[in-house]
Amino acid sequence: MGLLNELLSLLFPPQKQYGTLSVTIQGEEVKSHGEQRIADFLSRNGIRYEYERAIEVGIWIFNEELCRPDFYLPDYDVYIEYWGMIDIEDGYKRREYERKMKWKMAQYYKYNIKFISIYPRNMRNLEWVFRKKFQQVTGQSLPKQSAKRRQPNYGATVQERSQPVPPVIGNERLPERRV
């Protein structure tokens, strides 16, 4: 069986997996390091968010789920999409991803849904890019982050984060309970 699997893997290479399950500073599991960085940025800046909240469209009982953007900011009624696979090497998958991305954006415009697009190239300067796009979409400025900053482990995966993470509110870590 081992030889047969080897031959099959040469003929049909396993599909590359994109995204690595990661854990935010609040202990929430997300699908990629990029999403983790965005969630941690929101948490450090005291911005409440819901991860992958469904957008429903329709009337009354005839609602249907349109999509599940990466983040929803309930205090601002704004969604955030992290387009993390836009730069993948596999041409076919990239074209499919772009097609879905354009469809989602068209739906957001059609239903007048406020959203912020974040791309992998934005991650180098996430704070500046996010603040600029946030102001463009909402007409508001985010309050400046406090001087006390936490340095999250952006490379941590679900498997590597075996210790429970104490809850975080804004920039302050709550004391751990002793049992």
Foldseek 3Di string as FASTA:
>chain_A
DVVVVVVVCVVPPDDDDDAFWAAELQGDTDGHLVLNLVVNVCQQLQFDKDAFDFDWDDDDPPIDTDGGAGIARVVQQEGEHELECCPPPPPVVNVVSVVVVVVVVVVCVVVVRHYHYHYPVCVVPVVVRVQVSVCVRRVDGRDDGDPDADDDDSPHGPVNCPDGRAGGRHNDGDDDDDD
